[in-house]
């Protein structure tokens, strides 16, 4: 992943939740028109755009032509080393993409980091969670990317998970699900 031209402090990033469930094309158009510096993308936005546009190269071209950078892929949900991992029944099962596919998508659009969430509703052993997150951090670091855990309503993780995290790992608290506001404002802690 290119080191120059990374998003940083003061850069504005448009998250997909702000717009509801936009297609990649709608999301990128809105971000560019609004003067944003980057976008946070969902894996299924990329897979849907790839189907519509014919290739990941075409998807990357849409992003590049907009002048935007990809802050992160939102989110990796298959990361806990638990073969019984399932999404809650109220979410479509096709949202749970394999870890390898989500990483591939992140690399294809040169995402700077990977958002990691657990919304399974299953209370797990914290050592398992910590070791699983460390594994994600190590994998992302090998690709020059960061990883962070997003804590929000419905997440089964606590801040204890980050105790054994790698230097590339961090955590974010998103107030959108907590406050049911229109805009998202995530704060790195």
Foldseek 3Di string as FASTA:
>chain_A
DDPPPADDPPAFEAECVLVPHDALLVSLVVCLVVVGQAYAEELVSQVVVCVVQVHLVSVLCSNVVSNHAHAEYPAQAPQQPDPPQAAPPVDDRVSHDDPVSRVVSCVSNVHQEHEYFYLRLDQDDLVSLLVSQQVVQVVQVVVNHAYEYEDAPRTNDDPVSCPNHDPRYFYWYWCCRVVVDSGIDIDTD
